[in-house]
C-alpha atoms as a PDB file:
ATOM      1  CA  MET A   1      27.879 -13.859  14.978  1.00  0.00           C
ATOM      2  CA  SER A   2      24.150 -14.342  15.545  1.00  0.00           C
ATOM      3  CA  VAL A   3      21.238 -12.731  13.741  1.00  0.00           C
ATOM      4  CA  LEU A   4      17.881 -12.125  15.422  1.00  0.00           C
ATOM      5  CA  VAL A   5      14.729 -12.020  13.282  1.00  0.00           C
ATOM      6  CA  ILE A   6      11.518 -10.543  14.671  1.00  0.00           C
ATOM      7  CA  ALA A   7       8.676 -12.885  13.740  1.00  0.00           C
ATOM      8  CA  GLU A   8       5.461 -11.411  12.418  1.00  0.00           C
ATOM      9  CA  HIS A   9       2.591 -13.569  13.656  1.00  0.00           C
ATOM     10  CA  ASP A  10      -1.000 -13.650  14.889  1.00  0.00           C
ATOM     11  CA  ASN A  11      -0.217 -15.587  18.102  1.00  0.00           C
ATOM     12  CA  GLN A  12      -1.117 -18.815  16.284  1.00  0.00           C
ATOM     13  CA  SER A  13       0.832 -18.913  13.034  1.00  0.00           C
ATOM     14  CA  ILE A  14       3.813 -17.226  11.404  1.00  0.00           C
ATOM     15  CA  LYS A  15       3.161 -14.672   8.668  1.00  0.00           C
ATOM     16  CA  PRO A  16       4.851 -15.309   5.295  1.00  0.00           C
ATOM     17  CA  ALA A  17       6.934 -12.100   5.588  1.00  0.00           C
ATOM     18  CA  THR A  18       8.942 -13.801   8.336  1.00  0.00           C
ATOM     19  CA  LEU A  19      10.140 -16.465   5.896  1.00  0.00           C
ATOM     20  CA  ASN A  20      11.505 -13.817   3.526  1.00  0.00           C
ATOM     21  CA  THR A  21      13.259 -12.077   6.418  1.00  0.00           C
ATOM     22  CA  VAL A  22      14.866 -15.330   7.549  1.00  0.00           C
ATOM     23  CA  ALA A  23      16.153 -15.721   3.985  1.00  0.00           C
ATOM     24  CA  ALA A  24      17.830 -12.308   4.251  1.00  0.00           C
ATOM     25  CA  ALA A  25      19.272 -13.236   7.645  1.00  0.00           C
ATOM     26  CA  ALA A  26      20.737 -16.441   6.211  1.00  0.00           C
ATOM     27  CA  LYS A  27      22.647 -14.401   3.619  1.00  0.00           C
ATOM     28  CA  ILE A  28      24.318 -12.421   6.408  1.00  0.00           C
ATOM     29  CA  GLY A  29      25.739 -15.593   7.895  1.00  0.00           C
ATOM     30  CA  GLY A  30      25.958 -16.975  11.407  1.00  0.00           C
ATOM     31  CA  ASP A  31      23.222 -18.510  13.536  1.00  0.00           C
ATOM     32  CA  VAL A  32      19.689 -17.318  12.820  1.00  0.00           C
ATOM     33  CA  HIS A  33      17.401 -16.931  15.825  1.00  0.00           C
ATOM     34  CA  VAL A  34      13.717 -15.955  15.696  1.00  0.00           C
ATOM     35  CA  PHE A  35      12.056 -13.745  18.303  1.00  0.00           C
ATOM     36  CA  VAL A  36       8.361 -14.393  19.016  1.00  0.00           C
ATOM     37  CA  ALA A  37       6.581 -11.972  21.351  1.00  0.00           C
ATOM     38  CA  GLY A  38       2.874 -12.205  22.113  1.00  0.00           C
ATOM     39  CA  GLN A  39       0.238 -13.744  24.357  1.00  0.00           C
ATOM     40  CA  GLY A  40      -0.716 -17.396  24.121  1.00  0.00           C
ATOM     41  CA  CYS A  41       1.696 -17.688  21.210  1.00  0.00           C
ATOM     42  CA  GLN A  42       3.259 -21.086  21.841  1.00  0.00           C
ATOM     43  CA  ALA A  43       1.795 -22.333  18.547  1.00  0.00           C
ATOM     44  CA  ALA A  44       3.481 -19.474  16.680  1.00  0.00           C
ATOM     45  CA  ALA A  45       6.791 -20.261  18.389  1.00  0.00           C
ATOM     46  CA  ASP A  46       6.472 -23.940  17.476  1.00  0.00           C
ATOM     47  CA  ALA A  47       5.816 -22.948  13.858  1.00  0.00           C
ATOM     48  CA  ALA A  48       8.880 -20.675  13.914  1.00  0.00           C
ATOM     49  CA  ALA A  49      10.987 -23.577  15.185  1.00  0.00           C
ATOM     50  CA  LYS A  50      10.137 -25.531  12.027  1.00  0.00           C
ATOM     51  CA  ILE A  51      11.418 -22.814   9.667  1.00  0.00           C
ATOM     52  CA  ALA A  52      14.395 -24.026   7.657  1.00  0.00           C
ATOM     53  CA  GLY A  53      17.678 -22.504   8.764  1.00  0.00           C
ATOM     54  CA  VAL A  54      16.536 -21.333  12.213  1.00  0.00           C
ATOM     55  CA  SER A  55      18.668 -22.618  15.100  1.00  0.00           C
ATOM     56  CA  LYS A  56      16.769 -21.109  18.072  1.00  0.00           C
ATOM     57  CA  VAL A  57      13.445 -19.477  18.871  1.00  0.00           C
ATOM     58  CA  LEU A  58      13.103 -16.973  21.719  1.00  0.00           C
ATOM     59  CA  LEU A  59       9.575 -16.908  23.131  1.00  0.00           C
ATOM     60  CA  ALA A  60       8.266 -14.034  25.259  1.00  0.00           C
ATOM     61  CA  ASP A  61       4.671 -14.658  26.308  1.00  0.00           C
ATOM     62  CA  SER A  62       2.708 -12.167  28.403  1.00  0.00           C
ATOM     63  CA  ALA A  63      -0.487 -10.135  28.408  1.00  0.00           C
ATOM     64  CA  ALA A  64       1.519  -6.944  27.816  1.00  0.00           C
ATOM     65  CA  LEU A  65       2.705  -8.333  24.468  1.00  0.00           C
ATOM     66  CA  GLY A  66      -0.608  -9.754  23.265  1.00  0.00           C
ATOM     67  CA  ASP A  67      -1.609  -6.782  21.125  1.00  0.00           C
ATOM     68  CA  GLN A  68       1.872  -6.206  19.669  1.00  0.00           C
ATOM     69  CA  LEU A  69       2.127  -2.671  21.038  1.00  0.00           C
ATOM     70  CA  ALA A  70       5.395  -1.323  19.664  1.00  0.00           C
ATOM     71  CA  GLU A  71       6.499   0.217  22.960  1.00  0.00           C
ATOM     72  CA  ASN A  72       6.212  -3.077  24.825  1.00  0.00           C
ATOM     73  CA  VAL A  73       7.635  -5.272  22.066  1.00  0.00           C
ATOM     74  CA  ALA A  74      10.608  -2.915  21.682  1.00  0.00           C
ATOM     75  CA  GLU A  75      11.331  -3.134  25.420  1.00  0.00           C
ATOM     76  CA  GLN A  76      11.127  -6.921  25.257  1.00  0.00           C
ATOM     77  CA  LEU A  77      13.447  -6.973  22.266  1.00  0.00           C
ATOM     78  CA  LEU A  78      15.994  -4.752  24.006  1.00  0.00           C
ATOM     79  CA  ALA A  79      15.991  -7.175  26.937  1.00  0.00           C
ATOM     80  CA  VAL A  80      17.273  -9.976  24.680  1.00  0.00           C
ATOM     81  CA  ALA A  81      19.247  -7.951  22.121  1.00  0.00           C
ATOM     82  CA  SER A  82      22.675  -8.296  23.721  1.00  0.00           C
ATOM     83  CA  GLY A  83      24.890 -10.732  21.896  1.00  0.00           C
ATOM     84  CA  TYR A  84      23.300 -10.191  18.487  1.00  0.00           C
ATOM     85  CA  SER A  85      25.218  -8.536  15.686  1.00  0.00           C
ATOM     86  CA  HIS A  86      22.110  -7.980  13.544  1.00  0.00           C
ATOM     87  CA  ILE A  87      18.412  -7.478  14.336  1.00  0.00           C
ATOM     88  CA  LEU A  88      16.050  -7.876  11.380  1.00  0.00           C
ATOM     89  CA  ALA A  89      12.325  -7.412  10.823  1.00  0.00           C
ATOM     90  CA  PRO A  90      10.092  -7.351   7.743  1.00  0.00           C
ATOM     91  CA  ALA A  91       9.572  -3.843   6.327  1.00  0.00           C
ATOM     92  CA  THR A  92       5.866  -4.056   7.157  1.00  0.00           C
ATOM     93  CA  SER A  93       3.788  -1.878   9.455  1.00  0.00           C
ATOM     94  CA  ILE A  94       4.861  -4.091  12.383  1.00  0.00           C
ATOM     95  CA  GLY A  95       8.586  -3.927  11.652  1.00  0.00           C
ATOM     96  CA  LYS A  96       8.511  -0.228  10.799  1.00  0.00           C
ATOM     97  CA  ASN A  97       6.811   0.480  14.106  1.00  0.00           C
ATOM     98  CA  ILE A  98       9.123  -1.527  16.356  1.00  0.00           C
ATOM     99  CA  LEU A  99      12.642  -1.315  14.958  1.00  0.00           C
ATOM    100  CA  PRO A 100      13.125   2.487  14.904  1.00  0.00           C
ATOM    101  CA  ARG A 101      12.498   2.477  18.655  1.00  0.00           C
ATOM    102  CA  VAL A 102      15.046  -0.283  19.114  1.00  0.00           C
ATOM    103  CA  ALA A 103      17.646   1.483  16.958  1.00  0.00           C
ATOM    104  CA  ALA A 104      17.197   4.727  18.871  1.00  0.00           C
ATOM    105  CA  ARG A 105      17.618   3.003  22.227  1.00  0.00           C
ATOM    106  CA  LEU A 106      20.723   1.202  20.975  1.00  0.00           C
ATOM    107  CA  ASP A 107      22.019   4.515  19.573  1.00  0.00           C
ATOM    108  CA  VAL A 108      22.592   3.080  16.099  1.00  0.00           C
ATOM    109  CA  ALA A 109      21.359   4.027  12.630  1.00  0.00           C
ATOM    110  CA  GLN A 110      18.586   1.860  11.217  1.00  0.00           C
ATOM    111  CA  ILE A 111      19.108   0.490   7.707  1.00  0.00           C
ATOM    112  CA  SER A 112      15.673   0.434   6.128  1.00  0.00           C
ATOM    113  CA  ASP A 113      14.091  -1.609   3.365  1.00  0.00           C
ATOM    114  CA  ILE A 114      17.131  -3.565   2.193  1.00  0.00           C
ATOM    115  CA  ILE A 115      16.873  -5.492  -1.072  1.00  0.00           C
ATOM    116  CA  SER A 116      20.183  -7.370  -0.989  1.00  0.00           C
ATOM    117  CA  VAL A 117      22.963  -8.428   1.363  1.00  0.00           C
ATOM    118  CA  GLU A 118      26.421  -7.719  -0.036  1.00  0.00           C
ATOM    119  CA  SER A 119      28.288  -8.715   3.137  1.00  0.00           C
ATOM    120  CA  ALA A 120      27.715  -8.757   6.886  1.00  0.00           C
ATOM    121  CA  ASP A 121      28.055  -4.967   7.048  1.00  0.00           C
ATOM    122  CA  THR A 122      27.006  -3.871   3.544  1.00  0.00           C
ATOM    123  CA  PHE A 123      23.502  -3.788   2.086  1.00  0.00           C
ATOM    124  CA  THR A 124      21.597  -2.192  -0.770  1.00  0.00           C
ATOM    125  CA  ARG A 125      18.314  -0.330  -0.525  1.00  0.00           C
ATOM    126  CA  PRO A 126      16.167   1.666  -2.967  1.00  0.00           C
ATOM    127  CA  ILE A 127      15.879   5.450  -2.675  1.00  0.00           C
ATOM    128  CA  TYR A 128      14.051   8.087  -4.747  1.00  0.00           C
ATOM    129  CA  ALA A 129      11.075   5.755  -5.279  1.00  0.00           C
ATOM    130  CA  GLY A 130      13.369   2.985  -6.477  1.00  0.00           C
ATOM    131  CA  ASN A 131      15.077   5.049  -9.185  1.00  0.00           C
ATOM    132  CA  VAL A 132      18.421   4.834  -7.361  1.00  0.00           C
ATOM    133  CA  ILE A 133      19.866   1.873  -5.455  1.00  0.00           C
ATOM    134  CA  ALA A 134      22.054   2.956  -2.536  1.00  0.00           C
ATOM    135  CA  THR A 135      24.808   0.775  -1.120  1.00  0.00           C
ATOM    136  CA  VAL A 136      25.010   1.244   2.648  1.00  0.00           C
ATOM    137  CA  GLN A 137      27.900   0.099   4.822  1.00  0.00           C
ATOM    138  CA  SER A 138      27.504   0.221   8.589  1.00  0.00           C
ATOM    139  CA  SER A 139      30.178   0.173  11.261  1.00  0.00           C
ATOM    140  CA  ASP A 140      27.639   0.056  14.103  1.00  0.00           C
ATOM    141  CA  ALA A 141      28.143  -2.735  16.621  1.00  0.00           C
ATOM    142  CA  VAL A 142      24.539  -3.814  16.060  1.00  0.00           C
ATOM    143  CA  LYS A 143      22.897  -3.536  12.646  1.00  0.00           C
ATOM    144  CA  VAL A 144      19.170  -2.832  12.925  1.00  0.00           C
ATOM    145  CA  ILE A 145      17.567  -3.643   9.571  1.00  0.00           C
ATOM    146  CA  THR A 146      14.146  -3.818   7.941  1.00  0.00           C
ATOM    147  CA  VAL A 147      13.848  -6.120   4.936  1.00  0.00           C
ATOM    148  CA  ARG A 148      11.841  -5.569   1.758  1.00  0.00           C
ATOM    149  CA  THR A 149      10.316  -9.019   1.687  1.00  0.00           C
ATOM    150  CA  THR A 150       9.627  -9.070  -2.052  1.00  0.00           C
ATOM    151  CA  ALA A 151      13.387  -8.932  -2.715  1.00  0.00           C
ATOM    152  CA  PHE A 152      14.120 -12.276  -1.023  1.00  0.00           C
ATOM    153  CA  ASP A 153      12.684 -15.689  -1.857  1.00  0.00           C
ATOM    154  CA  PRO A 154      11.138 -17.232   1.276  1.00  0.00           C
ATOM    155  CA  VAL A 155      12.815 -20.126   3.042  1.00  0.00           C
ATOM    156  CA  ALA A 156      10.837 -23.311   3.617  1.00  0.00           C
ATOM    157  CA  ALA A 157       8.291 -23.149   6.431  1.00  0.00           C
ATOM    158  CA  GLU A 158       8.998 -26.791   7.287  1.00  0.00           C
ATOM    159  CA  GLY A 159      12.146 -28.771   7.785  1.00  0.00           C
ATOM    160  CA  GLY A 160      13.747 -27.063  10.763  1.00  0.00           C
ATOM    161  CA  SER A 161      13.954 -28.372  14.324  1.00  0.00           C
ATOM    162  CA  ALA A 162      15.045 -25.404  16.418  1.00  0.00           C
ATOM    163  CA  ALA A 163      14.796 -25.324  20.201  1.00  0.00           C
ATOM    164  CA  VAL A 164      12.249 -22.955  21.772  1.00  0.00           C
ATOM    165  CA  GLU A 165      13.653 -20.977  24.693  1.00  0.00           C
ATOM    166  CA  ASN A 166      11.340 -19.047  27.015  1.00  0.00           C
ATOM    167  CA  VAL A 167      12.576 -15.617  28.088  1.00  0.00           C
ATOM    168  CA  SER A 168      11.362 -13.499  30.984  1.00  0.00           C
ATOM    169  CA  ALA A 169       8.675 -11.035  29.927  1.00  0.00           C
ATOM    170  CA  VAL A 170       9.170  -7.355  30.649  1.00  0.00           C
ATOM    171  CA  ALA A 171       6.560  -5.284  32.444  1.00  0.00           C
ATOM    172  CA  ASP A 172       4.028  -3.180  30.563  1.00  0.00           C
ATOM    173  CA  SER A 173       5.698   0.130  29.666  1.00  0.00           C
ATOM    174  CA  GLY A 174       2.444   2.006  30.247  1.00  0.00           C
ATOM    175  CA  LYS A 175       3.168   4.256  27.272  1.00  0.00           C
ATOM    176  CA  SER A 176       0.328   3.047  25.083  1.00  0.00           C
ATOM    177  CA  THR A 177      -2.978   1.234  25.378  1.00  0.00           C
ATOM    178  CA  PHE A 178      -4.758  -1.033  22.941  1.00  0.00           C
ATOM    179  CA  VAL A 179      -8.212   0.331  22.086  1.00  0.00           C
ATOM    180  CA  ASN A 180      -9.711  -1.844  19.353  1.00  0.00           C
ATOM    181  CA  ARG A 181      -8.961  -3.634  16.107  1.00  0.00           C
ATOM    182  CA  GLU A 182     -11.046  -3.651  12.952  1.00  0.00           C
ATOM    183  CA  VAL A 183     -10.214  -6.659  10.820  1.00  0.00           C
ATOM    184  CA  ALA A 184     -11.237  -6.714   7.173  1.00  0.00           C
ATOM    185  CA  LYS A 185     -12.164 -10.285   6.243  1.00  0.00           C
ATOM    186  CA  SER A 186     -11.901 -11.477   2.676  1.00  0.00           C
ATOM    187  CA  ASP A 187     -11.921 -14.784   0.831  1.00  0.00           C
ATOM    188  CA  ARG A 188      -9.276 -13.399  -1.504  1.00  0.00           C
ATOM    189  CA  PRO A 189      -5.541 -13.937  -1.000  1.00  0.00           C
ATOM    190  CA  GLU A 190      -3.644 -11.413   1.105  1.00  0.00           C
ATOM    191  CA  LEU A 191      -2.348  -8.616  -1.120  1.00  0.00           C
ATOM    192  CA  THR A 192       1.332  -8.966  -0.227  1.00  0.00           C
ATOM    193  CA  ALA A 193       1.271 -12.771  -0.582  1.00  0.00           C
ATOM    194  CA  ALA A 194      -0.917 -13.140  -3.694  1.00  0.00           C
ATOM    195  CA  SER A 195       0.586 -14.643  -6.841  1.00  0.00           C
ATOM    196  CA  THR A 196      -1.831 -12.605  -8.986  1.00  0.00           C
ATOM    197  CA  ILE A 197      -3.095  -9.060  -8.365  1.00  0.00           C
ATOM    198  CA  VAL A 198      -5.725  -7.098 -10.253  1.00  0.00           C
ATOM    199  CA  SER A 199      -5.400  -3.373  -9.518  1.00  0.00           C
ATOM    200  CA  GLY A 200      -7.568  -0.409 -10.412  1.00  0.00           C
ATOM    201  CA  GLY A 201      -6.645   3.254 -10.617  1.00  0.00           C
ATOM    202  CA  ARG A 202      -8.272   6.636 -10.981  1.00  0.00           C
ATOM    203  CA  GLY A 203      -9.566   5.474 -14.356  1.00  0.00           C
ATOM    204  CA  MET A 204     -12.090   3.258 -12.540  1.00  0.00           C
ATOM    205  CA  GLY A 205     -14.134   6.439 -12.040  1.00  0.00           C
ATOM    206  CA  SER A 206     -15.957   5.465  -8.842  1.00  0.00           C
ATOM    207  CA  ALA A 207     -16.086   2.999  -5.969  1.00  0.00           C
ATOM    208  CA  ASP A 208     -19.036   1.222  -7.581  1.00  0.00           C
ATOM    209  CA  ASN A 209     -17.058   0.648 -10.749  1.00  0.00           C
ATOM    210  CA  PHE A 210     -14.452  -1.335  -8.798  1.00  0.00           C
ATOM    211  CA  SER A 211     -16.967  -4.190  -8.721  1.00  0.00           C
ATOM    212  CA  ILE A 212     -16.129  -4.843 -12.394  1.00  0.00           C
ATOM    213  CA  LEU A 213     -12.813  -6.260 -11.150  1.00  0.00           C
ATOM    214  CA  ASN A 214     -14.449  -8.949  -8.987  1.00  0.00           C
ATOM    215  CA  PRO A 215     -15.301 -11.485 -11.745  1.00  0.00           C
ATOM    216  CA  LEU A 216     -11.792 -11.177 -13.217  1.00  0.00           C
ATOM    217  CA  ALA A 217     -10.171 -11.561  -9.795  1.00  0.00           C
ATOM    218  CA  ASP A 218     -12.391 -14.572  -9.069  1.00  0.00           C
ATOM    219  CA  LYS A 219     -11.330 -16.269 -12.305  1.00  0.00           C
ATOM    220  CA  LEU A 220      -7.646 -15.714 -11.494  1.00  0.00           C
ATOM    221  CA  ASN A 221      -7.912 -16.301  -7.718  1.00  0.00           C
ATOM    222  CA  ALA A 222      -6.330 -12.876  -7.429  1.00  0.00           C
ATOM    223  CA  ALA A 223      -6.110 -10.189  -4.780  1.00  0.00           C
ATOM    224  CA  ILE A 224      -7.481  -6.748  -5.624  1.00  0.00           C
ATOM    225  CA  GLY A 225      -5.268  -3.681  -5.319  1.00  0.00           C
ATOM    226  CA  ALA A 226      -5.533   0.014  -6.042  1.00  0.00           C
ATOM    227  CA  SER A 227      -3.367   3.009  -6.805  1.00  0.00           C
ATOM    228  CA  ARG A 228      -2.996   5.827  -4.320  1.00  0.00           C
ATOM    229  CA  ALA A 229      -5.068   8.068  -6.574  1.00  0.00           C
ATOM    230  CA  ALA A 230      -7.960   5.603  -6.380  1.00  0.00           C
ATOM    231  CA  VAL A 231      -7.643   5.304  -2.620  1.00  0.00           C
ATOM    232  CA  ASP A 232      -7.428   9.080  -2.124  1.00  0.00           C
ATOM    233  CA  ALA A 233     -10.543   9.495  -4.279  1.00  0.00           C
ATOM    234  CA  GLY A 234     -12.418   7.072  -2.037  1.00  0.00           C
ATOM    235  CA  TYR A 235     -12.792   4.402  -4.697  1.00  0.00           C
ATOM    236  CA  ALA A 236     -10.976   1.722  -2.668  1.00  0.00           C
ATOM    237  CA  PRO A 237     -10.014   1.093   0.991  1.00  0.00           C
ATOM    238  CA  ASN A 238      -6.550   1.968   2.311  1.00  0.00           C
ATOM    239  CA  ASP A 239      -5.486  -1.650   2.737  1.00  0.00           C
ATOM    240  CA  TRP A 240      -5.725  -2.137  -1.038  1.00  0.00           C
ATOM    241  CA  GLN A 241      -3.152   0.559  -1.785  1.00  0.00           C
ATOM    242  CA  VAL A 242      -0.083  -0.549  -3.739  1.00  0.00           C
ATOM    243  CA  GLY A 243       2.867   1.821  -3.964  1.00  0.00           C
ATOM    244  CA  GLN A 244       5.639   3.569  -2.130  1.00  0.00           C
ATOM    245  CA  THR A 245       3.286   4.665   0.669  1.00  0.00           C
ATOM    246  CA  GLY A 246       1.177   1.513   0.414  1.00  0.00           C
ATOM    247  CA  LYS A 247       2.134  -2.122   0.050  1.00  0.00           C
ATOM    248  CA  ILE A 248       5.150  -3.362  -1.889  1.00  0.00           C
ATOM    249  CA  VAL A 249       4.197  -6.369  -4.000  1.00  0.00           C
ATOM    250  CA  ALA A 250       5.929  -8.657  -6.483  1.00  0.00           C
ATOM    251  CA  PRO A 251       3.379 -11.200  -7.728  1.00  0.00           C
ATOM    252  CA  GLN A 252       3.779 -13.520 -10.685  1.00  0.00           C
ATOM    253  CA  LEU A 253       1.125 -11.500 -12.541  1.00  0.00           C
ATOM    254  CA  TYR A 254       0.104  -7.872 -11.975  1.00  0.00           C
ATOM    255  CA  ILE A 255      -2.805  -6.473 -13.998  1.00  0.00           C
ATOM    256  CA  ALA A 256      -3.014  -2.660 -13.903  1.00  0.00           C
ATOM    257  CA  LEU A 257      -6.371  -1.278 -15.036  1.00  0.00           C
ATOM    258  CA  GLY A 258      -6.875   2.448 -15.447  1.00  0.00           C
ATOM    259  CA  ILE A 259      -3.577   3.157 -13.690  1.00  0.00           C
ATOM    260  CA  SER A 260      -1.448   5.856 -15.305  1.00  0.00           C
ATOM    261  CA  GLY A 261       1.793   4.662 -13.716  1.00  0.00           C
ATOM    262  CA  ALA A 262       2.925   7.411 -11.362  1.00  0.00           C
ATOM    263  CA  ILE A 263       6.394   6.885  -9.873  1.00  0.00           C
ATOM    264  CA  GLN A 264       4.835   6.306  -6.448  1.00  0.00           C
ATOM    265  CA  HIS A 265       2.796   3.389  -7.767  1.00  0.00           C
ATOM    266  CA  LEU A 266       5.566   1.902  -9.908  1.00  0.00           C
ATOM    267  CA  ALA A 267       7.833   1.765  -6.848  1.00  0.00           C
ATOM    268  CA  GLY A 268       5.415  -0.668  -5.258  1.00  0.00           C
ATOM    269  CA  MET A 269       4.868  -3.121  -8.129  1.00  0.00           C
ATOM    270  CA  LYS A 270       7.579  -2.889 -10.776  1.00  0.00           C
ATOM    271  CA  ASP A 271       9.281  -6.057  -9.476  1.00  0.00           C
ATOM    272  CA  SER A 272       6.237  -8.102 -10.531  1.00  0.00           C
ATOM    273  CA  LYS A 273       7.242 -10.973 -12.817  1.00  0.00           C
ATOM    274  CA  VAL A 274       4.686 -10.127 -15.547  1.00  0.00           C
ATOM    275  CA  ILE A 275       2.880  -6.776 -15.789  1.00  0.00           C
ATOM    276  CA  VAL A 276      -0.220  -6.315 -17.927  1.00  0.00           C
ATOM    277  CA  ALA A 277      -1.569  -2.772 -18.395  1.00  0.00           C
ATOM    278  CA  VAL A 278      -4.845  -1.502 -19.837  1.00  0.00           C
ATOM    279  CA  ASN A 279      -5.199   2.249 -20.278  1.00  0.00           C
ATOM    280  CA  LYS A 280      -6.925   4.463 -22.814  1.00  0.00           C
ATOM    281  CA  ASP A 281      -3.966   6.864 -22.870  1.00  0.00           C
ATOM    282  CA  PRO A 282      -1.232   5.487 -25.170  1.00  0.00           C
ATOM    283  CA  GLU A 283       1.304   7.796 -23.504  1.00  0.00           C
ATOM    284  CA  ALA A 284       0.618   6.510 -19.967  1.00  0.00           C
ATOM    285  CA  PRO A 285       3.898   5.802 -18.099  1.00  0.00           C
ATOM    286  CA  ILE A 286       2.600   2.388 -17.035  1.00  0.00           C
ATOM    287  CA  PHE A 287       3.300   1.131 -20.561  1.00  0.00           C
ATOM    288  CA  GLY A 288       6.993   1.819 -19.976  1.00  0.00           C
ATOM    289  CA  VAL A 289       7.210  -1.014 -17.421  1.00  0.00           C
ATOM    290  CA  ALA A 290       4.457  -3.303 -18.748  1.00  0.00           C
ATOM    291  CA  ASP A 291       5.306  -6.585 -20.430  1.00  0.00           C
ATOM    292  CA  TYR A 292       1.949  -6.469 -22.209  1.00  0.00           C
ATOM    293  CA  GLY A 293       0.005  -3.279 -22.856  1.00  0.00           C
ATOM    294  CA  LEU A 294      -3.405  -2.666 -24.349  1.00  0.00           C
ATOM    295  CA  VAL A 295      -4.681   0.792 -25.265  1.00  0.00           C
ATOM    296  CA  GLY A 296      -8.412   0.673 -24.722  1.00  0.00           C
ATOM    297  CA  ASP A 297     -11.397   1.296 -22.484  1.00  0.00           C
ATOM    298  CA  LEU A 298     -11.074  -0.917 -19.425  1.00  0.00           C
ATOM    299  CA  PHE A 299     -14.870  -1.132 -19.111  1.00  0.00           C
ATOM    300  CA  GLU A 300     -14.910  -2.916 -22.466  1.00  0.00           C
ATOM    301  CA  VAL A 301     -11.669  -4.843 -22.101  1.00  0.00           C
ATOM    302  CA  VAL A 302     -12.209  -6.308 -18.600  1.00  0.00           C
ATOM    303  CA  PRO A 303     -15.526  -8.061 -19.363  1.00  0.00           C
ATOM    304  CA  GLN A 304     -14.050  -9.436 -22.594  1.00  0.00           C
ATOM    305  CA  LEU A 305     -10.951 -10.673 -20.811  1.00  0.00           C
ATOM    306  CA  THR A 306     -13.063 -12.250 -18.061  1.00  0.00           C
ATOM    307  CA  GLU A 307     -15.211 -14.004 -20.648  1.00  0.00           C
ATOM    308  CA  LYS A 308     -12.157 -15.411 -22.447  1.00  0.00           C
ATOM    309  CA  LEU A 309     -10.791 -16.815 -19.200  1.00  0.00           C
END
């Protein structure tokens, strides 16, 4: 039995989500192989070969794969999928875009967003915004799975010595074309990888008021997040959104400021190790999951907290 993990990368380095997915693959058992598809991505493949527990890296390098178009990557994956009992990818925008296409072509049911591996054919996954945990058993010949990365501790990025095997690249499918990419640059940690997150909600009141979070985030070397309500109101950009329809996070410390605690938001952050909430409404649902709660005006509390730090 062999398990194939789709690597998330930037053609130069491996993204942290891949390490969590390899950890899930290791729990299934058997040999763990990593699939790297891109253009000029030898460095990413070499990095994947060093991941602890990986026995082989498959490298597909061509211009058609350079922009990670899902149609082309899915075709490339199907070309190497035979012989694998499981195909895994992080439950990120990349994995969610590629794997459903692969599952459909293989005529199997995808198992999405798993949070534990019970056996080689049985997994658990959250449903109803995390209020129910479903146990799913699959009899499909190939299990196509996306992994909630926050549920698995990452394996070591160093220590492995896997062989890198080049595979023949498939032709461009012609079904999609890359137009452009807008990259938001920030000196702050990436939201899904940050150990500390400071998030604002509708209670921030405006986009300008979000700047009050910057000094606190700087002191804590934290990423800045937002609730869906804040994003929908235009207070914060989409890539800051934490929640069921945003990013799933599980930092060591999550500070929720002016966030009421809607189910959608809680589904994305309730696995945080320590949750601190500040809200002027003592009945706010966020206090039901918070380890530490303070009823007060965030515009008074945040500057005081920043000063104390």
